[in-house]
Amino acid sequence: MIVRLHPHAQARLIERGATEEEVVLTVEGGVTFPAQFGRTGFRRNFSFNAEWNGKVYATKKIEVIAVQEGENWLVITVIVKYF
């Protein structure tokens, strides 16, 4: 399986504090959920224990919205939540 990132998703990585490795791990091993327009969502928590925007958080949750292309996935967007 290959996980590719749409340019929109690549831009969201930078501004939201995720890495491409975290996105791939989320698609490969995250919990799936149905998303709008027939897309698939993936969700996974990562230990963070670091500062983001001036506040320290223990956990970073990555949510990925993707479209399946045969056996591969095209990531459309990435959402990051800190807690």
C-alpha atoms as a PDB file:
ATOM      1  CA  MET A   1       0.000   0.000   0.000  1.00  0.00           C
ATOM      2  CA  ILE A   2       1.239   3.478  -0.910  1.00  0.00           C
ATOM      3  CA  VAL A   3       0.040   6.609   0.905  1.00  0.00           C
ATOM      4  CA  ARG A   4       0.297   9.789  -1.194  1.00  0.00           C
ATOM      5  CA  LEU A   5      -0.417  13.339  -0.003  1.00  0.00           C
ATOM      6  CA  HIS A   6      -2.443  15.829  -2.019  1.00  0.00           C
ATOM      7  CA  PRO A   7      -0.783  19.296  -2.086  1.00  0.00           C
ATOM      8  CA  HIS A   8      -3.569  20.574   0.200  1.00  0.00           C
ATOM      9  CA  ALA A   9      -2.749  17.882   2.773  1.00  0.00           C
ATOM     10  CA  GLN A  10       0.979  18.633   2.508  1.00  0.00           C
ATOM     11  CA  ALA A  11       0.306  22.302   3.306  1.00  0.00           C
ATOM     12  CA  ARG A  12      -1.880  21.345   6.294  1.00  0.00           C
ATOM     13  CA  LEU A  13       0.958  19.226   7.744  1.00  0.00           C
ATOM     14  CA  ILE A  14       3.172  22.256   8.126  1.00  0.00           C
ATOM     15  CA  GLU A  15       0.603  24.642   9.580  1.00  0.00           C
ATOM     16  CA  ARG A  16      -0.941  22.076  11.945  1.00  0.00           C
ATOM     17  CA  GLY A  17       2.223  20.454  13.275  1.00  0.00           C
ATOM     18  CA  ALA A  18       2.002  16.922  11.865  1.00  0.00           C
ATOM     19  CA  THR A  19       4.674  14.934  10.068  1.00  0.00           C
ATOM     20  CA  GLU A  20       4.350  12.817   6.952  1.00  0.00           C
ATOM     21  CA  GLU A  21       5.463   9.800   9.007  1.00  0.00           C
ATOM     22  CA  GLU A  22       2.588  10.353  11.479  1.00  0.00           C
ATOM     23  CA  VAL A  23       0.117  10.562   8.594  1.00  0.00           C
ATOM     24  CA  VAL A  24       1.342   7.305   7.078  1.00  0.00           C
ATOM     25  CA  LEU A  25       1.226   5.562  10.479  1.00  0.00           C
ATOM     26  CA  THR A  26      -2.318   6.858  10.976  1.00  0.00           C
ATOM     27  CA  VAL A  27      -3.482   5.441   7.638  1.00  0.00           C
ATOM     28  CA  GLU A  28      -1.686   2.134   8.207  1.00  0.00           C
ATOM     29  CA  GLY A  29      -2.754   1.549  11.811  1.00  0.00           C
ATOM     30  CA  GLY A  30      -5.386   4.052  12.844  1.00  0.00           C
ATOM     31  CA  VAL A  31      -9.052   3.580  13.573  1.00  0.00           C
ATOM     32  CA  THR A  32     -11.199   4.113  10.474  1.00  0.00           C
ATOM     33  CA  PHE A  33     -14.431   6.075  10.301  1.00  0.00           C
ATOM     34  CA  PRO A  34     -16.732   7.172   7.468  1.00  0.00           C
ATOM     35  CA  ALA A  35     -16.174  10.701   6.172  1.00  0.00           C
ATOM     36  CA  GLN A  36     -18.152  12.981   3.857  1.00  0.00           C
ATOM     37  CA  PHE A  37     -18.446  12.380   0.123  1.00  0.00           C
ATOM     38  CA  GLY A  38     -17.653   8.658   0.404  1.00  0.00           C
ATOM     39  CA  ARG A  39     -14.173   9.286   1.785  1.00  0.00           C
ATOM     40  CA  THR A  40     -12.528   7.400   4.643  1.00  0.00           C
ATOM     41  CA  GLY A  41     -11.204   8.913   7.835  1.00  0.00           C
ATOM     42  CA  PHE A  42      -8.373   7.545   9.933  1.00  0.00           C
ATOM     43  CA  ARG A  43      -7.675   8.557  13.535  1.00  0.00           C
ATOM     44  CA  ARG A  44      -4.694   7.842  15.788  1.00  0.00           C
ATOM     45  CA  ASN A  45      -3.267   9.299  19.012  1.00  0.00           C
ATOM     46  CA  PHE A  46       0.459   9.909  19.432  1.00  0.00           C
ATOM     47  CA  SER A  47       2.380  10.635  22.604  1.00  0.00           C
ATOM     48  CA  PHE A  48       3.509  14.260  22.265  1.00  0.00           C
ATOM     49  CA  ASN A  49       4.753  15.706  25.582  1.00  0.00           C
ATOM     50  CA  ALA A  50       5.918  18.914  23.939  1.00  0.00           C
ATOM     51  CA  GLU A  51       4.952  22.519  23.340  1.00  0.00           C
ATOM     52  CA  TRP A  52       2.616  23.676  20.589  1.00  0.00           C
ATOM     53  CA  ASN A  53       1.680  27.363  20.268  1.00  0.00           C
ATOM     54  CA  GLY A  54       3.011  28.180  23.729  1.00  0.00           C
ATOM     55  CA  LYS A  55       1.303  25.373  25.628  1.00  0.00           C
ATOM     56  CA  VAL A  56       2.537  21.886  26.566  1.00  0.00           C
ATOM     57  CA  TYR A  57       0.369  18.938  25.521  1.00  0.00           C
ATOM     58  CA  ALA A  58       0.699  15.238  26.361  1.00  0.00           C
ATOM     59  CA  THR A  59      -1.118  13.874  23.306  1.00  0.00           C
ATOM     60  CA  LYS A  60      -1.464  14.725  19.630  1.00  0.00           C
ATOM     61  CA  LYS A  61      -4.415  13.230  17.707  1.00  0.00           C
ATOM     62  CA  ILE A  62      -4.006  12.979  13.945  1.00  0.00           C
ATOM     63  CA  GLU A  63      -7.113  12.671  11.768  1.00  0.00           C
ATOM     64  CA  VAL A  64      -6.625  11.946   8.083  1.00  0.00           C
ATOM     65  CA  ILE A  65      -9.293  12.140   5.384  1.00  0.00           C
ATOM     66  CA  ALA A  66      -8.389  10.058   2.350  1.00  0.00           C
ATOM     67  CA  VAL A  67      -9.683   8.524  -0.877  1.00  0.00           C
ATOM     68  CA  GLN A  68      -8.848   4.959  -1.810  1.00  0.00           C
ATOM     69  CA  GLU A  69      -7.227   4.482  -5.214  1.00  0.00           C
ATOM     70  CA  GLY A  70      -7.078   0.732  -5.785  1.00  0.00           C
ATOM     71  CA  GLU A  71      -4.834  -0.569  -2.992  1.00  0.00           C
ATOM     72  CA  ASN A  72      -3.373   2.893  -2.318  1.00  0.00           C
ATOM     73  CA  TRP A  73      -4.594   5.984  -0.471  1.00  0.00           C
ATOM     74  CA  LEU A  74      -4.594   9.667  -1.466  1.00  0.00           C
ATOM     75  CA  VAL A  75      -4.677  11.858   1.647  1.00  0.00           C
ATOM     76  CA  ILE A  76      -6.924  14.888   1.064  1.00  0.00           C
ATOM     77  CA  THR A  77      -6.508  16.708   4.371  1.00  0.00           C
ATOM     78  CA  VAL A  78      -4.971  16.350   7.822  1.00  0.00           C
ATOM     79  CA  ILE A  79      -6.484  17.578  11.091  1.00  0.00           C
ATOM     80  CA  VAL A  80      -4.416  17.752  14.284  1.00  0.00           C
ATOM     81  CA  LYS A  81      -5.796  18.118  17.812  1.00  0.00           C
ATOM     82  CA  TYR A  82      -3.671  18.586  20.912  1.00  0.00           C
ATOM     83  CA  PHE A  83      -4.729  17.657  24.438  1.00  0.00           C
END
